[in-house]
Amino acid sequence: DKVCDQISDAILDEFLTKDKFSRVAAETTVTTGMALVC
């Protein structure tokens, strides 16, 4: 679960760094061999 939290917030960090007015709602799920960002 914390892997997912960190991925979602890493995506947020990237968007806000490049465009501070970005509207972001990034959800992540991980399982064996796969990560899904939606």
Full PDB file with SEQRES, HELIX, SHEET, SSBOND, CRYST1, ORIGX, SCALE, CONECT and MASTER records, all heavy atoms in Angstrom:
SEQRES   1 A   38  ASP LYS VAL CYS ASP GLN ILE SER ASP ALA ILE LEU ASP          
SEQRES   2 A   38  GLU PHE LEU THR LYS ASP LYS PHE SER ARG VAL ALA ALA          
SEQRES   3 A   38  GLU THR THR VAL THR THR GLY MET ALA LEU VAL CYS              
HELIX    1 AA1 LYS A    2  LYS A   18  1                                  17    
SHEET    1 AA1 2 THR A  28  THR A  31  0                                        
SHEET    2 AA1 2 MET A  34  VAL A  37 -1                                        
CRYST1    1.000    1.000    1.000  90.00  90.00  90.00 P 1           1          
ORIGX1      1.000000  0.000000  0.000000        0.00000                         
ORIGX2      0.000000  1.000000  0.000000        0.00000                         
ORIGX3      0.000000  0.000000  1.000000        0.00000                         
SCALE1      1.000000  0.000000  0.000000        0.00000                         
SCALE2      0.000000  1.000000  0.000000        0.00000                         
SCALE3      0.000000  0.000000  1.000000        0.00000                         
ATOM      1  N   ASP A   1       0.823  -1.207   0.000  1.00  0.00           N  
ATOM      2  CA  ASP A   1       0.000   0.000   0.000  1.00  0.00           C  
ATOM      3  C   ASP A   1       0.859   1.261   0.000  1.00  0.00           C  
ATOM      4  O   ASP A   1       0.515   2.261  -0.644  1.00  0.00           O  
ATOM      5  CB  ASP A   1      -0.936   0.014   1.215  1.00  0.00           C  
ATOM      6  CG  ASP A   1      -1.966  -1.094   1.167  1.00  0.00           C  
ATOM      7  OD1 ASP A   1      -2.394  -1.467   0.061  1.00  0.00           O  
ATOM      8  OD2 ASP A   1      -2.338  -1.609   2.244  1.00  0.00           O  
ATOM      9  N   LYS A   2       1.981   1.207   0.695  1.00  0.00           N  
ATOM     10  CA  LYS A   2       2.864   2.363   0.736  1.00  0.00           C  
ATOM     11  C   LYS A   2       3.633   2.543  -0.583  1.00  0.00           C  
ATOM     12  O   LYS A   2       3.998   3.655  -0.952  1.00  0.00           O  
ATOM     13  CB  LYS A   2       3.833   2.245   1.910  1.00  0.00           C  
ATOM     14  CG  LYS A   2       3.229   2.727   3.218  1.00  0.00           C  
ATOM     15  CD  LYS A   2       2.863   4.173   3.150  1.00  0.00           C  
ATOM     16  CE  LYS A   2       1.779   4.570   4.084  1.00  0.00           C  
ATOM     17  NZ  LYS A   2       1.102   5.817   3.689  1.00  0.00           N  
ATOM     18  N   VAL A   3       3.887   1.440  -1.279  1.00  0.00           N  
ATOM     19  CA  VAL A   3       4.445   1.547  -2.632  1.00  0.00           C  
ATOM     20  C   VAL A   3       3.509   2.395  -3.490  1.00  0.00           C  
ATOM     21  O   VAL A   3       3.935   3.302  -4.210  1.00  0.00           O  
ATOM     22  CB  VAL A   3       4.648   0.150  -3.258  1.00  0.00           C  
ATOM     23  CG1 VAL A   3       5.037   0.280  -4.741  1.00  0.00           C  
ATOM     24  CG2 VAL A   3       5.729  -0.631  -2.502  1.00  0.00           C  
ATOM     25  N   CYS A   4       2.228   2.119  -3.389  1.00  0.00           N  
ATOM     26  CA  CYS A   4       1.236   2.854  -4.171  1.00  0.00           C  
ATOM     27  C   CYS A   4       1.165   4.326  -3.759  1.00  0.00           C  
ATOM     28  O   CYS A   4       1.084   5.222  -4.614  1.00  0.00           O  
ATOM     29  CB  CYS A   4      -0.140   2.204  -4.017  1.00  0.00           C  
ATOM     30  SG  CYS A   4      -0.236   0.550  -4.706  1.00  0.00           S  
ATOM     31  N   ASP A   5       1.162   4.582  -2.458  1.00  0.00           N  
ATOM     32  CA  ASP A   5       1.138   5.968  -1.984  1.00  0.00           C  
ATOM     33  C   ASP A   5       2.332   6.749  -2.520  1.00  0.00           C  
ATOM     34  O   ASP A   5       2.207   7.902  -2.952  1.00  0.00           O  
ATOM     35  CB  ASP A   5       1.144   6.003  -0.459  1.00  0.00           C  
ATOM     36  CG  ASP A   5      -0.187   5.604   0.152  1.00  0.00           C  
ATOM     37  OD1 ASP A   5      -1.202   5.573  -0.576  1.00  0.00           O  
ATOM     38  OD2 ASP A   5      -0.220   5.311   1.370  1.00  0.00           O  
ATOM     39  N   GLN A   6       3.496   6.140  -2.491  1.00  0.00           N  
ATOM     40  CA  GLN A   6       4.705   6.827  -2.954  1.00  0.00           C  
ATOM     41  C   GLN A   6       4.687   7.060  -4.458  1.00  0.00           C  
ATOM     42  O   GLN A   6       5.122   8.109  -4.937  1.00  0.00           O  
ATOM     43  CB  GLN A   6       5.952   6.032  -2.547  1.00  0.00           C  
ATOM     44  CG  GLN A   6       6.221   6.072  -1.051  1.00  0.00           C  
ATOM     45  CD  GLN A   6       7.211   5.024  -0.623  1.00  0.00           C  
ATOM     46  OE1 GLN A   6       8.409   5.291  -0.479  1.00  0.00           O  
ATOM     47  NE2 GLN A   6       6.729   3.801  -0.405  1.00  0.00           N  
ATOM     48  N   ILE A   7       4.184   6.099  -5.215  1.00  0.00           N  
ATOM     49  CA  ILE A   7       4.067   6.292  -6.666  1.00  0.00           C  
ATOM     50  C   ILE A   7       3.111   7.447  -6.957  1.00  0.00           C  
ATOM     51  O   ILE A   7       3.419   8.340  -7.757  1.00  0.00           O  
ATOM     52  CB  ILE A   7       3.585   4.996  -7.350  1.00  0.00           C  
ATOM     53  CG1 ILE A   7       4.689   3.935  -7.315  1.00  0.00           C  
ATOM     54  CG2 ILE A   7       3.162   5.272  -8.791  1.00  0.00           C  
ATOM     55  CD1 ILE A   7       4.238   2.563  -7.797  1.00  0.00           C  
ATOM     56  N   SER A   8       1.946   7.440  -6.318  1.00  0.00           N  
ATOM     57  CA  SER A   8       0.963   8.498  -6.547  1.00  0.00           C  
ATOM     58  C   SER A   8       1.521   9.871  -6.191  1.00  0.00           C  
ATOM     59  O   SER A   8       1.316  10.847  -6.921  1.00  0.00           O  
ATOM     60  CB  SER A   8      -0.307   8.216  -5.738  1.00  0.00           C  
ATOM     61  OG  SER A   8      -0.975   7.064  -6.211  1.00  0.00           O  
ATOM     62  N   ASP A   9       2.238   9.959  -5.077  1.00  0.00           N  
ATOM     63  CA  ASP A   9       2.803  11.253  -4.676  1.00  0.00           C  
ATOM     64  C   ASP A   9       4.025  11.635  -5.506  1.00  0.00           C  
ATOM     65  O   ASP A   9       4.302  12.826  -5.683  1.00  0.00           O  
ATOM     66  CB  ASP A   9       3.137  11.241  -3.185  1.00  0.00           C  
ATOM     67  CG  ASP A   9       1.949  11.664  -2.324  1.00  0.00           C  
ATOM     68  OD1 ASP A   9       1.057  12.359  -2.844  1.00  0.00           O  
ATOM     69  OD2 ASP A   9       1.910  11.299  -1.133  1.00  0.00           O  
ATOM     70  N   ALA A  10       4.767  10.663  -6.015  1.00  0.00           N  
ATOM     71  CA  ALA A  10       5.876  10.974  -6.924  1.00  0.00           C  
ATOM     72  C   ALA A  10       5.342  11.574  -8.218  1.00  0.00           C  
ATOM     73  O   ALA A  10       5.934  12.513  -8.777  1.00  0.00           O  
ATOM     74  CB  ALA A  10       6.691   9.717  -7.210  1.00  0.00           C  
ATOM     75  N   ILE A  11       4.216  11.052  -8.695  1.00  0.00           N  
ATOM     76  CA  ILE A  11       3.565  11.613  -9.877  1.00  0.00           C  
ATOM     77  C   ILE A  11       3.100  13.036  -9.586  1.00  0.00           C  
ATOM     78  O   ILE A  11       3.289  13.956 -10.390  1.00  0.00           O  
ATOM     79  CB  ILE A  11       2.393  10.714 -10.318  1.00  0.00           C  
ATOM     80  CG1 ILE A  11       2.930   9.373 -10.839  1.00  0.00           C  
ATOM     81  CG2 ILE A  11       1.529  11.403 -11.372  1.00  0.00           C  
ATOM     82  CD1 ILE A  11       1.859   8.315 -11.030  1.00  0.00           C  
ATOM     83  N   LEU A  12       2.483  13.233  -8.424  1.00  0.00           N  
ATOM     84  CA  LEU A  12       2.062  14.575  -8.018  1.00  0.00           C  
ATOM     85  C   LEU A  12       3.244  15.538  -7.966  1.00  0.00           C  
ATOM     86  O   LEU A  12       3.159  16.667  -8.471  1.00  0.00           O  
ATOM     87  CB  LEU A  12       1.380  14.511  -6.651  1.00  0.00           C  
ATOM     88  CG  LEU A  12       1.009  15.856  -6.021  1.00  0.00           C  
ATOM     89  CD1 LEU A  12      -0.075  16.562  -6.831  1.00  0.00           C  
ATOM     90  CD2 LEU A  12       0.557  15.664  -4.564  1.00  0.00           C  
ATOM     91  N   ASP A  13       4.343  15.116  -7.365  1.00  0.00           N  
ATOM     92  CA  ASP A  13       5.539  15.958  -7.287  1.00  0.00           C  
ATOM     93  C   ASP A  13       5.996  16.401  -8.670  1.00  0.00           C  
ATOM     94  O   ASP A  13       6.350  17.569  -8.887  1.00  0.00           O  
ATOM     95  CB  ASP A  13       6.679  15.198  -6.593  1.00  0.00           C  
ATOM     96  CG  ASP A  13       6.567  15.200  -5.078  1.00  0.00           C  
ATOM     97  OD1 ASP A  13       5.884  16.082  -4.521  1.00  0.00           O  
ATOM     98  OD2 ASP A  13       7.178  14.316  -4.441  1.00  0.00           O  
ATOM     99  N   GLU A  14       6.006  15.467  -9.628  1.00  0.00           N  
ATOM    100  CA  GLU A  14       6.455  15.777 -10.985  1.00  0.00           C  
ATOM    101  C   GLU A  14       5.550  16.810 -11.631  1.00  0.00           C  
ATOM    102  O   GLU A  14       6.019  17.764 -12.248  1.00  0.00           O  
ATOM    103  CB  GLU A  14       6.497  14.500 -11.831  1.00  0.00           C  
ATOM    104  CG  GLU A  14       7.703  13.656 -11.638  1.00  0.00           C  
ATOM    105  CD  GLU A  14       8.984  14.277 -12.156  1.00  0.00           C  
ATOM    106  OE1 GLU A  14       9.002  14.802 -13.277  1.00  0.00           O  
ATOM    107  OE2 GLU A  14       9.972  14.238 -11.439  1.00  0.00           O  
ATOM    108  N   PHE A  15       4.250  16.631 -11.510  1.00  0.00           N  
ATOM    109  CA  PHE A  15       3.316  17.572 -12.138  1.00  0.00           C  
ATOM    110  C   PHE A  15       3.399  18.951 -11.491  1.00  0.00           C  
ATOM    111  O   PHE A  15       3.443  19.973 -12.184  1.00  0.00           O  
ATOM    112  CB  PHE A  15       1.884  17.034 -12.069  1.00  0.00           C  
ATOM    113  CG  PHE A  15       1.542  16.113 -13.208  1.00  0.00           C  
ATOM    114  CD1 PHE A  15       1.494  14.743 -13.012  1.00  0.00           C  
ATOM    115  CD2 PHE A  15       1.268  16.612 -14.474  1.00  0.00           C  
ATOM    116  CE1 PHE A  15       1.188  13.890 -14.074  1.00  0.00           C  
ATOM    117  CE2 PHE A  15       0.962  15.768 -15.535  1.00  0.00           C  
ATOM    118  CZ  PHE A  15       0.913  14.403 -15.335  1.00  0.00           C  
ATOM    119  N   LEU A  16       3.420  19.020 -10.161  1.00  0.00           N  
ATOM    120  CA  LEU A  16       3.473  20.318  -9.497  1.00  0.00           C  
ATOM    121  C   LEU A  16       4.796  21.031  -9.753  1.00  0.00           C  
ATOM    122  O   LEU A  16       4.836  22.264  -9.815  1.00  0.00           O  
ATOM    123  CB  LEU A  16       3.241  20.154  -7.995  1.00  0.00           C  
ATOM    124  CG  LEU A  16       1.829  19.773  -7.549  1.00  0.00           C  
ATOM    125  CD1 LEU A  16       1.764  19.657  -6.025  1.00  0.00           C  
ATOM    126  CD2 LEU A  16       0.797  20.795  -8.031  1.00  0.00           C  
ATOM    127  N   THR A  17       5.877  20.281  -9.900  1.00  0.00           N  
ATOM    128  CA  THR A  17       7.172  20.892 -10.210  1.00  0.00           C  
ATOM    129  C   THR A  17       7.151  21.562 -11.572  1.00  0.00           C  
ATOM    130  O   THR A  17       7.708  22.642 -11.758  1.00  0.00           O  
ATOM    131  CB  THR A  17       8.287  19.832 -10.153  1.00  0.00           C  
ATOM    132  OG1 THR A  17       8.357  19.284  -8.828  1.00  0.00           O  
ATOM    133  CG2 THR A  17       9.644  20.437 -10.502  1.00  0.00           C  
ATOM    134  N   LYS A  18       6.483  20.946 -12.517  1.00  0.00           N  
ATOM    135  CA  LYS A  18       6.434  21.478 -13.884  1.00  0.00           C  
ATOM    136  C   LYS A  18       5.281  22.455 -14.094  1.00  0.00           C  
ATOM    137  O   LYS A  18       5.387  23.355 -14.916  1.00  0.00           O  
ATOM    138  CB  LYS A  18       6.335  20.323 -14.882  1.00  0.00           C  
ATOM    139  CG  LYS A  18       7.576  19.437 -14.909  1.00  0.00           C  
ATOM    140  CD  LYS A  18       7.446  18.315 -15.928  1.00  0.00           C  
ATOM    141  CE  LYS A  18       8.731  17.494 -16.017  1.00  0.00           C  
ATOM    142  NZ  LYS A  18       8.626  16.413 -17.031  1.00  0.00           N  
ATOM    143  N   ASP A  19       4.196  22.265 -13.387  1.00  0.00           N  
ATOM    144  CA  ASP A  19       3.036  23.149 -13.479  1.00  0.00           C  
ATOM    145  C   ASP A  19       2.362  23.171 -12.114  1.00  0.00           C  
ATOM    146  O   ASP A  19       1.626  22.260 -11.760  1.00  0.00           O  
ATOM    147  CB  ASP A  19       2.054  22.660 -14.548  1.00  0.00           C  
ATOM    148  CG  ASP A  19       0.761  23.488 -14.580  1.00  0.00           C  
ATOM    149  OD1 ASP A  19       0.718  24.581 -13.970  1.00  0.00           O  
ATOM    150  OD2 ASP A  19      -0.225  23.021 -15.195  1.00  0.00           O  
ATOM    151  N   LYS A  20       2.621  24.216 -11.353  1.00  0.00           N  
ATOM    152  CA  LYS A  20       2.164  24.243  -9.963  1.00  0.00           C  
ATOM    153  C   LYS A  20       0.646  24.316  -9.825  1.00  0.00           C  
ATOM    154  O   LYS A  20       0.103  24.105  -8.741  1.00  0.00           O  
ATOM    155  CB  LYS A  20       2.819  25.383  -9.191  1.00  0.00           C  
ATOM    156  CG  LYS A  20       2.405  26.781  -9.640  1.00  0.00           C  
ATOM    157  CD  LYS A  20       3.104  27.828  -8.785  1.00  0.00           C  
ATOM    158  CE  LYS A  20       2.650  29.245  -9.127  1.00  0.00           C  
ATOM    159  NZ  LYS A  20       3.336  30.241  -8.248  1.00  0.00           N  
ATOM    160  N   PHE A  21      -0.043  24.622 -10.930  1.00  0.00           N  
ATOM    161  CA  PHE A  21      -1.499  24.665 -10.892  1.00  0.00           C  
ATOM    162  C   PHE A  21      -2.133  23.369 -11.400  1.00  0.00           C  
ATOM    163  O   PHE A  21      -3.341  23.319 -11.666  1.00  0.00           O  
ATOM    164  CB  PHE A  21      -2.012  25.854 -11.706  1.00  0.00           C  
ATOM    165  CG  PHE A  21      -1.639  27.192 -11.123  1.00  0.00           C  
ATOM    166  CD1 PHE A  21      -0.639  27.960 -11.702  1.00  0.00           C  
ATOM    167  CD2 PHE A  21      -2.261  27.665  -9.987  1.00  0.00           C  
ATOM    168  CE1 PHE A  21      -0.279  29.189 -11.166  1.00  0.00           C  
ATOM    169  CE2 PHE A  21      -1.903  28.898  -9.437  1.00  0.00           C  
ATOM    170  CZ  PHE A  21      -0.907  29.654 -10.026  1.00  0.00           C  
ATOM    171  N   SER A  22      -1.346  22.331 -11.522  1.00  0.00           N  
ATOM    172  CA  SER A  22      -1.862  21.036 -11.959  1.00  0.00           C  
ATOM    173  C   SER A  22      -2.966  20.551 -11.030  1.00  0.00           C  
ATOM    174  O   SER A  22      -2.887  20.722  -9.813  1.00  0.00           O  
ATOM    175  CB  SER A  22      -0.743  19.993 -11.984  1.00  0.00           C  
ATOM    176  OG  SER A  22       0.259  20.310 -12.912  1.00  0.00           O  
ATOM    177  N   ARG A  23      -3.973  19.969 -11.611  1.00  0.00           N  
ATOM    178  CA  ARG A  23      -5.021  19.290 -10.853  1.00  0.00           C  
ATOM    179  C   ARG A  23      -4.767  17.791 -11.000  1.00  0.00           C  
ATOM    180  O   ARG A  23      -4.844  17.242 -12.098  1.00  0.00           O  
ATOM    181  CB  ARG A  23      -6.409  19.653 -11.371  1.00  0.00           C  
ATOM    182  CG  ARG A  23      -6.741  21.135 -11.238  1.00  0.00           C  
ATOM    183  CD  ARG A  23      -7.066  21.514  -9.786  1.00  0.00           C  
ATOM    184  NE  ARG A  23      -7.227  22.942  -9.625  1.00  0.00           N  
ATOM    185  CZ  ARG A  23      -8.307  23.634  -9.932  1.00  0.00           C  
ATOM    186  NH1 ARG A  23      -9.381  23.019 -10.408  1.00  0.00           N  
ATOM    187  NH2 ARG A  23      -8.332  24.950  -9.737  1.00  0.00           N  
ATOM    188  N   VAL A  24      -4.458  17.162  -9.887  1.00  0.00           N  
ATOM    189  CA  VAL A  24      -4.002  15.770  -9.911  1.00  0.00           C  
ATOM    190  C   VAL A  24      -4.813  14.930  -8.939  1.00  0.00           C  
ATOM    191  O   VAL A  24      -4.989  15.303  -7.771  1.00  0.00           O  
ATOM    192  CB  VAL A  24      -2.501  15.670  -9.556  1.00  0.00           C  
ATOM    193  CG1 VAL A  24      -2.033  14.213  -9.593  1.00  0.00           C  
ATOM    194  CG2 VAL A  24      -1.655  16.518 -10.502  1.00  0.00           C  
ATOM    195  N   ALA A  25      -5.300  13.821  -9.430  1.00  0.00           N  
ATOM    196  CA  ALA A  25      -5.884  12.778  -8.587  1.00  0.00           C  
ATOM    197  C   ALA A  25      -5.393  11.456  -9.151  1.00  0.00           C  
ATOM    198  O   ALA A  25      -6.018  10.867 -10.031  1.00  0.00           O  
ATOM    199  CB  ALA A  25      -7.404  12.838  -8.592  1.00  0.00           C  
ATOM    200  N   ALA A  26      -4.234  11.013  -8.661  1.00  0.00           N  
ATOM    201  CA  ALA A  26      -3.568   9.829  -9.203  1.00  0.00           C  
ATOM    202  C   ALA A  26      -3.696   8.664  -8.230  1.00  0.00           C  
ATOM    203  O   ALA A  26      -3.243   8.737  -7.088  1.00  0.00           O  
ATOM    204  CB  ALA A  26      -2.091  10.124  -9.472  1.00  0.00           C  
ATOM    205  N   GLU A  27      -4.314   7.598  -8.691  1.00  0.00           N  
ATOM    206  CA  GLU A  27      -4.490   6.390  -7.895  1.00  0.00           C  
ATOM    207  C   GLU A  27      -3.612   5.275  -8.475  1.00  0.00           C  
ATOM    208  O   GLU A  27      -3.511   5.140  -9.689  1.00  0.00           O  
ATOM    209  CB  GLU A  27      -5.951   5.937  -7.900  1.00  0.00           C  
ATOM    210  CG  GLU A  27      -6.944   7.023  -7.530  1.00  0.00           C  
ATOM    211  CD  GLU A  27      -6.936   7.368  -6.066  1.00  0.00           C  
ATOM    212  OE1 GLU A  27      -6.364   6.591  -5.267  1.00  0.00           O  
ATOM    213  OE2 GLU A  27      -7.519   8.416  -5.686  1.00  0.00           O  
ATOM    214  N   THR A  28      -3.025   4.479  -7.613  1.00  0.00           N  
ATOM    215  CA  THR A  28      -2.138   3.403  -8.045  1.00  0.00           C  
ATOM    216  C   THR A  28      -2.546   2.094  -7.382  1.00  0.00           C  
ATOM    217  O   THR A  28      -2.927   2.080  -6.208  1.00  0.00           O  
ATOM    218  CB  THR A  28      -0.675   3.720  -7.679  1.00  0.00           C  
ATOM    219  OG1 THR A  28      -0.304   4.988  -8.220  1.00  0.00           O  
ATOM    220  CG2 THR A  28       0.270   2.655  -8.220  1.00  0.00           C  
ATOM    221  N   THR A  29      -2.452   1.025  -8.128  1.00  0.00           N  
ATOM    222  CA  THR A  29      -2.564  -0.312  -7.551  1.00  0.00           C  
ATOM    223  C   THR A  29      -1.413  -1.158  -8.084  1.00  0.00           C  
ATOM    224  O   THR A  29      -0.999  -1.006  -9.237  1.00  0.00           O  
ATOM    225  CB  THR A  29      -3.926  -0.967  -7.869  1.00  0.00           C  
ATOM    226  OG1 THR A  29      -4.036  -2.213  -7.176  1.00  0.00           O  
ATOM    227  CG2 THR A  29      -4.097  -1.203  -9.360  1.00  0.00           C  
ATOM    228  N   VAL A  30      -0.864  -1.993  -7.232  1.00  0.00           N  
ATOM    229  CA  VAL A  30       0.240  -2.867  -7.618  1.00  0.00           C  
ATOM    230  C   VAL A  30      -0.083  -4.300  -7.229  1.00  0.00           C  
ATOM    231  O   VAL A  30      -0.777  -4.557  -6.250  1.00  0.00           O  
ATOM    232  CB  VAL A  30       1.581  -2.443  -6.973  1.00  0.00           C  
ATOM    233  CG1 VAL A  30       2.020  -1.070  -7.463  1.00  0.00           C  
ATOM    234  CG2 VAL A  30       1.494  -2.458  -5.447  1.00  0.00           C  
ATOM    235  N   THR A  31       0.435  -5.215  -8.002  1.00  0.00           N  
ATOM    236  CA  THR A  31       0.365  -6.628  -7.694  1.00  0.00           C  
ATOM    237  C   THR A  31       1.548  -7.299  -8.372  1.00  0.00           C  
ATOM    238  O   THR A  31       2.392  -6.609  -8.959  1.00  0.00           O  
ATOM    239  CB  THR A  31      -0.984  -7.242  -8.133  1.00  0.00           C  
ATOM    240  OG1 THR A  31      -1.099  -8.569  -7.632  1.00  0.00           O  
ATOM    241  CG2 THR A  31      -1.131  -7.228  -9.647  1.00  0.00           C  
ATOM    242  N   THR A  32       1.642  -8.593  -8.297  1.00  0.00           N  
ATOM    243  CA  THR A  32       2.794  -9.285  -8.869  1.00  0.00           C  
ATOM    244  C   THR A  32       3.002  -8.908 -10.328  1.00  0.00           C  
ATOM    245  O   THR A  32       2.127  -9.114 -11.163  1.00  0.00           O  
ATOM    246  CB  THR A  32       2.606 -10.811  -8.763  1.00  0.00           C  
ATOM    247  OG1 THR A  32       2.358 -11.171  -7.406  1.00  0.00           O  
ATOM    248  CG2 THR A  32       3.854 -11.534  -9.252  1.00  0.00           C  
ATOM    249  N   GLY A  33       4.139  -8.285 -10.604  1.00  0.00           N  
ATOM    250  CA  GLY A  33       4.529  -7.986 -11.975  1.00  0.00           C  
ATOM    251  C   GLY A  33       3.808  -6.846 -12.643  1.00  0.00           C  
ATOM    252  O   GLY A  33       3.961  -6.650 -13.860  1.00  0.00           O  
ATOM    253  N   MET A  34       3.041  -6.037 -11.889  1.00  0.00           N  
ATOM    254  CA  MET A  34       2.243  -5.005 -12.533  1.00  0.00           C  
ATOM    255  C   MET A  34       1.989  -3.817 -11.623  1.00  0.00           C  
ATOM    256  O   MET A  34       1.780  -3.973 -10.419  1.00  0.00           O  
ATOM    257  CB  MET A  34       0.897  -5.585 -12.984  1.00  0.00           C  
ATOM    258  CG  MET A  34       0.054  -4.625 -13.825  1.00  0.00           C  
ATOM    259  SD  MET A  34      -1.593  -5.257 -14.135  1.00  0.00           S  
ATOM    260  CE  MET A  34      -2.380  -4.894 -12.587  1.00  0.00           C  
ATOM    261  N   ALA A  35       2.006  -2.626 -12.214  1.00  0.00           N  
ATOM    262  CA  ALA A  35       1.564  -1.407 -11.545  1.00  0.00           C  
ATOM    263  C   ALA A  35       0.581  -0.701 -12.465  1.00  0.00           C  
ATOM    264  O   ALA A  35       0.848  -0.515 -13.655  1.00  0.00           O  
ATOM    265  CB  ALA A  35       2.741  -0.487 -11.233  1.00  0.00           C  
ATOM    266  N   LEU A  36      -0.564  -0.313 -11.931  1.00  0.00           N  
ATOM    267  CA  LEU A  36      -1.588   0.399 -12.690  1.00  0.00           C  
ATOM    268  C   LEU A  36      -1.788   1.773 -12.078  1.00  0.00           C  
ATOM    269  O   LEU A  36      -2.052   1.895 -10.886  1.00  0.00           O  
ATOM    270  CB  LEU A  36      -2.906  -0.374 -12.676  1.00  0.00           C  
ATOM    271  CG  LEU A  36      -4.155   0.384 -13.181  1.00  0.00           C  
ATOM    272  CD1 LEU A  36      -4.028   0.729 -14.659  1.00  0.00           C  
ATOM    273  CD2 LEU A  36      -5.428  -0.433 -12.915  1.00  0.00           C  
ATOM    274  N   VAL A  37      -1.669   2.814 -12.896  1.00  0.00           N  
ATOM    275  CA  VAL A  37      -1.932   4.180 -12.467  1.00  0.00           C  
ATOM    276  C   VAL A  37      -3.175   4.665 -13.204  1.00  0.00           C  
ATOM    277  O   VAL A  37      -3.249   4.617 -14.433  1.00  0.00           O  
ATOM    278  CB  VAL A  37      -0.753   5.115 -12.779  1.00  0.00           C  
ATOM    279  CG1 VAL A  37      -1.087   6.539 -12.343  1.00  0.00           C  
ATOM    280  CG2 VAL A  37       0.520   4.637 -12.075  1.00  0.00           C  
ATOM    281  N   CYS A  38      -4.164   5.126 -12.454  1.00  0.00           N  
ATOM    282  CA  CYS A  38      -5.373   5.662 -13.063  1.00  0.00           C  
ATOM    283  C   CYS A  38      -5.775   6.929 -12.324  1.00  0.00           C  
ATOM    284  O   CYS A  38      -5.225   7.264 -11.274  1.00  0.00           O  
ATOM    285  CB  CYS A  38      -6.514   4.633 -13.034  1.00  0.00           C  
ATOM    286  SG  CYS A  38      -6.960   4.045 -11.389  1.00  0.00           S  
TER     287      CYS A  38                                                      
MASTER        0    0    0    1    2    0    0    6  286    1    0    3          
END                                                                             
